[in-house]
Amino acid sequence: MTADVTTLKARAERLRELHHGDMLVLPNVWDAASAATVAEAGFPAVATASAAISAMLGHPDGEGAPWEEMFAAAGRVARAVTVPVTVDAEAGYGMRPRELVDRLLEIGAVGCNLEDTDHRAGGRPADAGAQAERLAGVRSAADDAGVPIVVNARVDTFLPAAGVPEEERVAEAVRRGRLYLGAGADCVYPIGVRRKRDLAALVAELPGPINGNTGDELDLATLRELGVARVSYGPRFYRAALADLKTEVQKLLT
């Protein structure tokens, strides 16, 4: 481990506390430099973005990169800061719960995103019951390890690839979210919600913290008003950095 169990436990407890106070805003990072930038700006925790890290490593998102490379990159993020770090672990790379927990703790992470997309089935939703059992296994393994890892359970029903009809997405997200919270998840992340009314319904129906995203109807003030506990940005800042780089280098050719 990059930090001792006592330190990791304290960071995990701190990360959990951050889901129950003022809205936790997480500008997702992809390497040690971006992590240090976010921490130095004053954010109380750091979160990685799998899409950004996999792209940086030259692989497609959706578990297209070898897990060893993804965890090595996340480990460099964790070593660069002293605040709690939560890792976007995609769907868990096929690891058994104890292995996943051990790998996270080895690199110094105290939280993780786990999505319910089955990448081995073409990106379709995983069975909700099986996913809840997996989350329960991760919670149990974390308890056994003595570090209460914060589990952010992603619900992918709003993603087009999930194939869930638009009129059924809220109800299905609520069904899955309740199962995941009951299994021991600390937060539910219905990624891809774009409408204020949909997110409001999820916040009202789910008995736990909700992770939201900003969008046309959902700026930070609106998310806070709705009662969202956590805000993620995914690969947005990585892509913005690349866009700035492209603009600047193209100037050299004129």
Protein backbone atom coordinates (compact mmCIF):
# COMPACT_ATOMS: atom_id res chain seq x y z
CA MET A 1 0.00 0.00 0.00
CA THR A 2 1.13 3.56 -0.64
CA ALA A 3 -0.31 4.61 2.73
CA ASP A 4 -0.94 2.74 5.96
CA VAL A 5 -4.36 1.40 6.89
CA THR A 6 -4.91 4.10 9.52
CA THR A 7 -4.34 6.85 6.95
CA LEU A 8 -6.50 5.15 4.34
CA LYS A 9 -9.30 4.63 6.84
CA ALA A 10 -9.23 8.31 7.83
CA ARG A 11 -9.35 9.35 4.17
CA ALA A 12 -12.22 6.99 3.42
CA GLU A 13 -14.20 8.32 6.37
CA ARG A 14 -13.51 11.86 5.22
CA LEU A 15 -14.68 11.06 1.69
CA ARG A 16 -17.90 9.58 3.04
CA GLU A 17 -18.50 12.68 5.18
CA LEU A 18 -18.14 14.87 2.09
CA HIS A 19 -21.25 13.21 0.63
CA HIS A 20 -23.41 14.49 3.50
CA GLY A 21 -22.53 18.16 3.74
CA ASP A 22 -22.29 20.86 1.11
CA MET A 23 -22.37 19.50 -2.44
CA LEU A 24 -19.10 17.75 -3.31
CA VAL A 25 -17.74 18.99 -6.65
CA LEU A 26 -15.17 16.76 -8.35
CA PRO A 27 -13.36 18.06 -11.46
CA ASN A 28 -12.11 14.65 -12.65
CA VAL A 29 -8.40 14.17 -13.31
CA TRP A 30 -6.24 11.87 -15.42
CA ASP A 31 -2.64 12.13 -14.17
CA ALA A 32 -0.49 13.33 -11.30
CA ALA A 33 -0.22 16.90 -12.61
CA SER A 34 -3.97 17.37 -13.04
CA ALA A 35 -4.57 15.79 -9.62
CA ALA A 36 -2.12 18.15 -7.95
CA THR A 37 -3.74 21.10 -9.73
CA VAL A 38 -7.19 20.19 -8.42
CA ALA A 39 -5.97 19.55 -4.87
CA GLU A 40 -3.92 22.75 -4.77
CA ALA A 41 -6.99 24.69 -5.91
CA GLY A 42 -8.66 23.63 -2.67
CA PHE A 43 -10.94 20.76 -3.64
CA PRO A 44 -11.28 18.34 -0.69
CA ALA A 45 -11.08 15.16 -2.77
CA VAL A 46 -9.83 14.00 -6.16
CA ALA A 47 -11.62 11.69 -8.61
CA THR A 48 -10.22 10.06 -11.73
CA ALA A 49 -12.04 9.72 -15.06
CA SER A 50 -11.62 6.37 -16.82
CA ALA A 51 -12.39 7.83 -20.24
CA ALA A 52 -9.62 10.40 -19.82
CA ILE A 53 -7.06 7.94 -18.45
CA SER A 54 -7.75 5.31 -21.09
CA ALA A 55 -7.49 7.95 -23.84
CA MET A 56 -4.23 9.24 -22.35
CA LEU A 57 -2.91 5.68 -22.43
CA GLY A 58 -4.00 5.17 -26.03
CA HIS A 59 -6.95 2.85 -25.43
CA PRO A 60 -10.73 3.13 -25.91
CA ASP A 61 -13.03 3.72 -22.95
CA GLY A 62 -15.23 0.94 -21.64
CA GLU A 63 -12.53 -1.32 -20.20
CA GLY A 64 -10.55 -1.12 -23.44
CA ALA A 65 -7.34 -0.51 -21.50
CA PRO A 66 -5.57 -3.21 -19.46
CA TRP A 67 -6.51 -2.84 -15.82
CA GLU A 68 -2.83 -2.87 -14.85
CA GLU A 69 -2.26 0.33 -16.83
CA MET A 70 -5.40 1.96 -15.46
CA PHE A 71 -4.47 1.20 -11.86
CA ALA A 72 -0.87 2.30 -12.37
CA ALA A 73 -2.12 5.67 -13.62
CA ALA A 74 -4.58 5.98 -10.74
CA GLY A 75 -1.77 5.13 -8.33
CA ARG A 76 0.28 8.05 -9.64
CA VAL A 77 -2.75 10.28 -9.01
CA ALA A 78 -3.07 9.02 -5.41
CA ARG A 79 0.63 9.54 -4.70
CA ALA A 80 0.48 13.12 -5.97
CA VAL A 81 -2.03 14.35 -3.35
CA THR A 82 -2.88 14.00 0.33
CA VAL A 83 -6.66 14.37 -0.04
CA PRO A 84 -8.94 11.33 -0.51
CA VAL A 85 -8.83 9.81 -4.00
CA THR A 86 -11.69 7.93 -5.63
CA VAL A 87 -11.04 5.90 -8.76
CA ASP A 88 -13.30 5.36 -11.73
CA ALA A 89 -12.93 1.57 -11.84
CA GLU A 90 -15.38 1.18 -14.74
CA ALA A 91 -17.20 -2.16 -14.25
CA GLY A 92 -14.44 -3.62 -12.11
CA TYR A 93 -12.43 -5.34 -14.87
CA GLY A 94 -13.87 -8.72 -14.03
CA MET A 95 -12.13 -8.75 -10.64
CA ARG A 96 -13.60 -10.51 -7.66
CA PRO A 97 -14.62 -8.05 -4.90
CA ARG A 98 -11.68 -8.76 -2.59
CA GLU A 99 -9.16 -8.42 -5.41
CA LEU A 100 -10.71 -5.11 -6.47
CA VAL A 101 -10.59 -3.77 -2.91
CA ASP A 102 -7.00 -4.92 -2.45
CA ARG A 103 -5.91 -3.30 -5.71
CA LEU A 104 -7.58 -0.01 -4.77
CA LEU A 105 -5.95 0.07 -1.35
CA GLU A 106 -2.56 -0.89 -2.79
CA ILE A 107 -2.54 2.28 -4.89
CA GLY A 108 -3.87 4.47 -2.08
CA ALA A 109 -7.46 4.93 -3.30
CA VAL A 110 -10.34 5.06 -0.81
CA GLY A 111 -13.30 5.22 -3.18
CA CYS A 112 -14.43 3.87 -6.52
CA ASN A 113 -17.07 4.18 -9.21
CA LEU A 114 -18.56 0.88 -10.32
CA GLU A 115 -20.87 0.98 -13.32
CA ASP A 116 -23.63 -1.48 -14.15
CA THR A 117 -22.80 -1.77 -17.85
CA ASP A 118 -21.70 -5.22 -18.97
CA HIS A 119 -18.88 -4.51 -21.42
CA ARG A 120 -18.53 -8.20 -22.19
CA ALA A 121 -22.15 -8.21 -23.40
CA GLY A 122 -21.78 -5.33 -25.82
CA GLY A 123 -22.49 -2.55 -23.35
CA ARG A 124 -25.91 -3.73 -22.25
CA PRO A 125 -27.03 -3.28 -18.62
CA ALA A 126 -25.86 -5.93 -16.18
CA ASP A 127 -28.50 -7.83 -14.28
CA ALA A 128 -29.47 -5.53 -11.40
CA GLY A 129 -29.64 -8.30 -8.81
CA ALA A 130 -26.23 -9.64 -9.77
CA GLN A 131 -24.80 -6.13 -9.67
CA ALA A 132 -26.24 -5.59 -6.19
CA GLU A 133 -24.61 -8.83 -5.03
CA ARG A 134 -21.30 -7.65 -6.45
CA LEU A 135 -21.59 -4.32 -4.64
CA ALA A 136 -22.40 -6.16 -1.41
CA GLY A 137 -19.26 -8.22 -1.96
CA VAL A 138 -17.16 -5.09 -2.37
CA ARG A 139 -18.65 -3.61 0.81
CA SER A 140 -17.92 -6.81 2.72
CA ALA A 141 -14.36 -6.98 1.39
CA ALA A 142 -13.73 -3.35 2.35
CA ASP A 143 -15.04 -4.01 5.85
CA ASP A 144 -12.73 -7.00 6.14
CA ALA A 145 -9.80 -4.86 5.01
CA GLY A 146 -10.57 -2.28 7.69
CA VAL A 147 -11.03 0.62 5.24
CA PRO A 148 -14.62 1.78 4.52
CA ILE A 149 -14.10 2.39 0.81
CA VAL A 150 -16.73 4.77 -0.60
CA VAL A 151 -18.63 3.03 -3.38
CA ASN A 152 -20.30 5.21 -6.01
CA ALA A 153 -22.68 2.88 -7.83
CA ARG A 154 -23.22 4.06 -11.38
CA VAL A 155 -26.62 3.45 -12.98
CA ASP A 156 -26.38 3.54 -16.76
CA THR A 157 -30.04 3.43 -17.77
CA PHE A 158 -29.90 6.95 -19.25
CA LEU A 159 -27.10 6.05 -21.67
CA PRO A 160 -28.35 5.32 -25.22
CA ALA A 161 -26.32 2.11 -25.37
CA ALA A 162 -28.35 0.70 -22.47
CA GLY A 163 -31.39 0.44 -24.72
CA VAL A 164 -33.84 1.49 -22.00
CA PRO A 165 -36.86 3.36 -23.46
CA GLU A 166 -36.85 7.00 -22.46
CA GLU A 167 -40.14 6.79 -20.59
CA GLU A 168 -38.80 3.92 -18.44
CA ARG A 169 -35.40 5.34 -17.54
CA VAL A 170 -36.33 7.07 -14.29
CA ALA A 171 -38.25 4.11 -12.90
CA GLU A 172 -35.49 1.68 -13.84
CA ALA A 173 -32.83 3.95 -12.34
CA VAL A 174 -34.83 4.12 -9.10
CA ARG A 175 -35.23 0.33 -9.02
CA ARG A 176 -31.53 -0.23 -9.54
CA GLY A 177 -30.46 2.57 -7.24
CA ARG A 178 -32.50 1.20 -4.35
CA LEU A 179 -30.99 -2.23 -4.83
CA TYR A 180 -27.47 -0.80 -4.90
CA LEU A 181 -27.94 1.35 -1.81
CA GLY A 182 -29.43 -1.64 -0.03
CA ALA A 183 -26.34 -3.64 -0.97
CA GLY A 184 -24.06 -1.11 0.70
CA ALA A 185 -23.29 1.51 -1.95
CA ASP A 186 -22.64 4.98 -0.52
CA CYS A 187 -23.88 6.99 -3.49
CA VAL A 188 -25.84 6.37 -6.71
CA TYR A 189 -24.64 7.88 -9.96
CA PRO A 190 -27.32 7.98 -12.71
CA ILE A 191 -24.95 9.14 -15.42
CA GLY A 192 -26.35 10.92 -18.45
CA VAL A 193 -29.39 12.58 -16.87
CA ARG A 194 -30.04 15.76 -18.82
CA ARG A 195 -33.46 16.96 -17.63
CA LYS A 196 -34.06 18.72 -14.36
CA ARG A 197 -37.36 16.93 -13.75
CA ASP A 198 -35.73 13.50 -14.14
CA LEU A 199 -32.96 14.29 -11.69
CA ALA A 200 -35.44 15.80 -9.23
CA ALA A 201 -37.45 12.58 -9.33
CA LEU A 202 -34.34 10.50 -8.67
CA VAL A 203 -33.29 12.63 -5.72
CA ALA A 204 -36.80 12.34 -4.28
CA GLU A 205 -37.13 8.59 -4.81
CA LEU A 206 -33.68 7.32 -3.86
CA PRO A 207 -32.84 7.09 -0.12
CA GLY A 208 -29.21 8.07 -0.41
CA PRO A 209 -26.72 10.55 -1.91
CA ILE A 210 -26.96 11.18 -5.66
CA ASN A 211 -24.12 11.99 -8.06
CA GLY A 212 -25.16 14.37 -10.84
CA ASN A 213 -23.64 16.04 -13.90
CA THR A 214 -23.93 19.59 -15.13
CA GLY A 215 -25.76 20.27 -18.39
CA ASP A 216 -28.04 22.67 -20.21
CA GLU A 217 -30.74 22.44 -17.52
CA LEU A 218 -28.39 21.56 -14.68
CA ASP A 219 -25.83 24.12 -13.63
CA LEU A 220 -24.16 23.86 -10.22
CA ALA A 221 -26.72 26.11 -8.56
CA THR A 222 -29.59 23.96 -9.85
CA LEU A 223 -27.87 20.74 -8.78
CA ARG A 224 -27.40 22.15 -5.29
CA GLU A 225 -31.04 23.29 -5.20
CA LEU A 226 -32.19 19.78 -6.14
CA GLY A 227 -30.21 18.24 -3.31
CA VAL A 228 -27.50 16.49 -5.35
CA ALA A 229 -24.66 15.33 -3.10
CA ARG A 230 -21.85 15.00 -5.62
CA VAL A 231 -21.01 16.37 -9.07
CA SER A 232 -18.70 14.71 -11.59
CA TYR A 233 -17.25 16.03 -14.85
CA GLY A 234 -15.81 12.87 -16.39
CA PRO A 235 -13.31 13.53 -19.21
CA ARG A 236 -14.53 17.10 -19.81
CA PHE A 237 -11.42 18.88 -18.55
CA TYR A 238 -9.06 16.43 -20.23
CA ARG A 239 -10.77 17.10 -23.55
CA ALA A 240 -10.71 20.84 -22.92
CA ALA A 241 -6.96 20.66 -22.24
CA LEU A 242 -6.41 18.80 -25.52
CA ALA A 243 -8.54 21.32 -27.38
CA ASP A 244 -6.41 24.15 -25.97
CA LEU A 245 -3.26 22.29 -26.98
CA LYS A 246 -4.59 21.81 -30.51
CA THR A 247 -5.39 25.52 -30.80
CA GLU A 248 -1.97 26.57 -29.60
CA VAL A 249 0.08 24.19 -31.75
CA GLN A 250 -1.93 25.06 -34.85
CA LYS A 251 -0.90 28.68 -34.34
CA LEU A 252 2.69 27.57 -34.86
CA LEU A 253 1.84 26.47 -38.40
CA THR A 254 0.37 29.78 -39.52
